[in-house]
Amino acid sequence: MPAEVRRAKPDDADDISAIIGELIATGEPVAFREGMSTDEVKAWMRRQGDDGAMFVVDDGRFILGFAAVDFDSASPTECSFGSWVRPQNRRQGHGTALAEEALAFARERGYRRVRGRLPENNEAALSYLSAIGALVPMKNPGMSFELPIYDEE
């Protein structure tokens, strides 16, 4: 069964929490300083309300990765985007599929600028976000993609 990208549900919070834990354990936590419990992930989803969203890549057995679009209450036409894929499932197109779904959501919500989440000195993430940034004008004319936003450490 091919993997599908879909809107995350509260039932996915346990898997999202596990992915965050795996990334922290491998030293690649991009945007996460510490793990998040299932309840914390559910709270994140609730905080997003209608102005933000989480998406997952689901292969029918496992959640392989997730993405988040978070609004900025100080700048109502801007949002931030981040995606995280389990290390063993990278370089299979899942990150791009997550980005396409997230950008479609951002377009539907009327966001004009999307900012990527990027830690300093992470060339793989920079390459990925640069590729995603190139998708923005093709899929969302009039929208800009701004990078990098460095995570504070």
Protein backbone atom coordinates (compact mmCIF):
# COMPACT_ATOMS: atom_id res chain seq x y z
CA MET A 1 0.00 0.00 0.00
CA PRO A 2 1.49 3.38 -0.95
CA ALA A 3 1.86 5.96 1.78
CA GLU A 4 -0.76 8.69 1.95
CA VAL A 5 -0.55 12.18 3.39
CA ARG A 6 -3.55 13.15 5.45
CA ARG A 7 -4.59 15.60 8.13
CA ALA A 8 -3.42 14.37 11.54
CA LYS A 9 -6.04 13.24 14.04
CA PRO A 10 -5.75 13.21 17.84
CA ASP A 11 -5.26 9.43 17.57
CA ASP A 12 -1.96 10.14 15.74
CA ALA A 13 -0.52 12.06 18.69
CA ASP A 14 1.18 8.99 20.17
CA ASP A 15 3.02 8.30 16.89
CA ILE A 16 3.98 11.96 16.50
CA SER A 17 5.32 11.94 20.06
CA ALA A 18 7.35 8.82 19.24
CA ILE A 19 8.84 10.43 16.11
CA ILE A 20 9.90 13.47 18.14
CA GLY A 21 11.52 11.14 20.67
CA GLU A 22 13.37 9.27 17.91
CA LEU A 23 14.70 12.52 16.45
CA ILE A 24 15.94 13.68 19.84
CA ALA A 25 17.61 10.30 20.45
CA THR A 26 19.47 10.54 17.12
CA GLY A 27 20.64 14.08 17.84
CA GLU A 28 18.48 15.57 15.06
CA PRO A 29 15.69 17.26 17.01
CA VAL A 30 15.16 20.22 14.60
CA ALA A 31 12.88 22.58 16.56
CA PHE A 32 12.45 20.32 19.57
CA ARG A 33 14.48 20.84 22.74
CA GLU A 34 12.87 17.92 24.50
CA GLY A 35 10.35 15.18 23.86
CA MET A 36 6.64 15.81 23.83
CA SER A 37 4.13 13.54 25.48
CA THR A 38 1.03 12.39 23.66
CA ASP A 39 -1.00 14.90 25.67
CA GLU A 40 1.40 17.71 24.73
CA VAL A 41 1.05 16.83 21.03
CA LYS A 42 -2.74 16.83 21.39
CA ALA A 43 -2.54 20.25 23.08
CA TRP A 44 -0.41 21.52 20.15
CA MET A 45 -3.10 20.31 17.75
CA ARG A 46 -5.83 22.05 19.75
CA ARG A 47 -3.84 25.32 19.88
CA GLN A 48 -3.60 25.32 16.10
CA GLY A 49 -7.38 25.57 15.82
CA ASP A 50 -8.54 26.34 12.30
CA ASP A 51 -5.51 28.51 11.51
CA GLY A 52 -2.92 25.74 11.72
CA ALA A 53 -2.72 22.04 10.99
CA MET A 54 -0.69 18.89 11.30
CA PHE A 55 -0.33 16.32 8.56
CA VAL A 56 1.05 12.78 8.66
CA VAL A 57 2.46 10.32 6.16
CA ASP A 58 0.69 7.03 6.84
CA ASP A 59 1.70 3.83 5.08
CA GLY A 60 -1.24 1.91 6.52
CA ARG A 61 0.87 0.39 9.27
CA PHE A 62 2.99 3.24 10.58
CA ILE A 63 3.16 7.01 10.67
CA LEU A 64 6.42 7.74 8.83
CA GLY A 65 6.57 11.48 9.41
CA PHE A 66 4.57 14.58 10.16
CA ALA A 67 4.41 18.26 9.32
CA ALA A 68 2.98 21.29 11.07
CA VAL A 69 1.71 24.62 9.83
CA ASP A 70 1.50 27.07 12.70
CA PHE A 71 -0.02 30.53 12.54
CA ASP A 72 1.58 33.69 13.86
CA SER A 73 -0.97 35.75 15.82
CA ALA A 74 1.29 38.81 15.49
CA SER A 75 1.33 38.46 11.68
CA PRO A 76 -2.00 37.05 10.49
CA THR A 77 -0.79 36.64 6.90
CA GLU A 78 2.23 34.53 7.93
CA CYS A 79 2.70 30.98 9.12
CA SER A 80 5.60 28.67 9.85
CA PHE A 81 6.17 25.23 8.40
CA GLY A 82 8.17 22.29 9.69
CA SER A 83 8.31 18.64 8.75
CA TRP A 84 9.94 15.68 10.38
CA VAL A 85 10.42 12.22 8.86
CA ARG A 86 11.78 9.17 10.64
CA PRO A 87 15.44 8.67 9.65
CA GLN A 88 14.79 5.28 8.01
CA ASN A 89 12.03 6.79 5.84
CA ARG A 90 13.92 9.79 4.48
CA ARG A 91 14.79 10.40 0.84
CA GLN A 92 11.63 8.63 -0.28
CA GLY A 93 9.58 11.73 -1.14
CA HIS A 94 7.62 11.86 2.14
CA GLY A 95 8.95 15.30 3.13
CA THR A 96 8.00 16.75 -0.24
CA ALA A 97 4.53 15.19 -0.04
CA LEU A 98 4.07 16.68 3.44
CA ALA A 99 5.21 20.08 2.17
CA GLU A 100 2.80 20.00 -0.77
CA GLU A 101 -0.12 19.27 1.56
CA ALA A 102 0.99 21.93 4.04
CA LEU A 103 1.41 24.54 1.29
CA ALA A 104 -2.05 23.75 -0.05
CA PHE A 105 -3.42 24.30 3.46
CA ALA A 106 -1.52 27.60 3.76
CA ARG A 107 -2.92 28.74 0.41
CA GLU A 108 -6.49 27.82 1.43
CA ARG A 109 -6.09 29.83 4.66
CA GLY A 110 -4.82 32.87 2.74
CA TYR A 111 -1.30 32.97 4.15
CA ARG A 112 1.03 35.13 2.04
CA ARG A 113 4.35 34.18 3.63
CA VAL A 114 5.56 30.82 4.90
CA ARG A 115 8.67 30.55 7.04
CA GLY A 116 10.68 27.34 7.35
CA ARG A 117 12.07 25.98 10.61
CA LEU A 118 15.76 25.30 10.35
CA PRO A 119 18.55 24.73 12.86
CA GLU A 120 21.94 26.26 12.21
CA ASN A 121 24.50 24.14 10.37
CA ASN A 122 22.03 21.54 9.11
CA GLU A 123 22.85 21.27 5.41
CA ALA A 124 20.34 18.49 4.73
CA ALA A 125 17.49 20.56 6.19
CA LEU A 126 18.66 23.65 4.30
CA SER A 127 18.70 21.69 1.04
CA TYR A 128 15.21 20.33 1.70
CA LEU A 129 13.75 23.72 2.64
CA SER A 130 15.41 25.34 -0.37
CA ALA A 131 13.71 22.80 -2.62
CA ILE A 132 10.39 23.40 -0.87
CA GLY A 133 10.88 27.15 -1.28
CA ALA A 134 11.18 26.63 -5.03
CA LEU A 135 7.78 24.89 -5.01
CA VAL A 136 5.99 27.83 -3.42
CA PRO A 137 5.70 30.19 -6.43
CA MET A 138 4.76 27.30 -8.73
CA LYS A 139 1.98 26.01 -6.47
CA ASN A 140 1.01 29.28 -4.75
CA PRO A 141 1.54 32.33 -6.96
CA GLY A 142 1.85 35.42 -4.82
CA MET A 143 3.03 33.53 -1.76
CA SER A 144 6.62 33.75 -0.57
CA PHE A 145 8.76 31.27 1.32
CA GLU A 146 11.28 32.75 3.66
CA LEU A 147 14.21 30.86 5.11
CA PRO A 148 15.97 30.23 7.24
CA ILE A 149 14.46 30.71 10.64
CA TYR A 150 17.06 29.45 13.03
CA ASP A 151 15.89 27.62 16.08
CA GLU A 152 17.29 29.09 19.25
CA GLU A 153 19.54 26.73 21.11
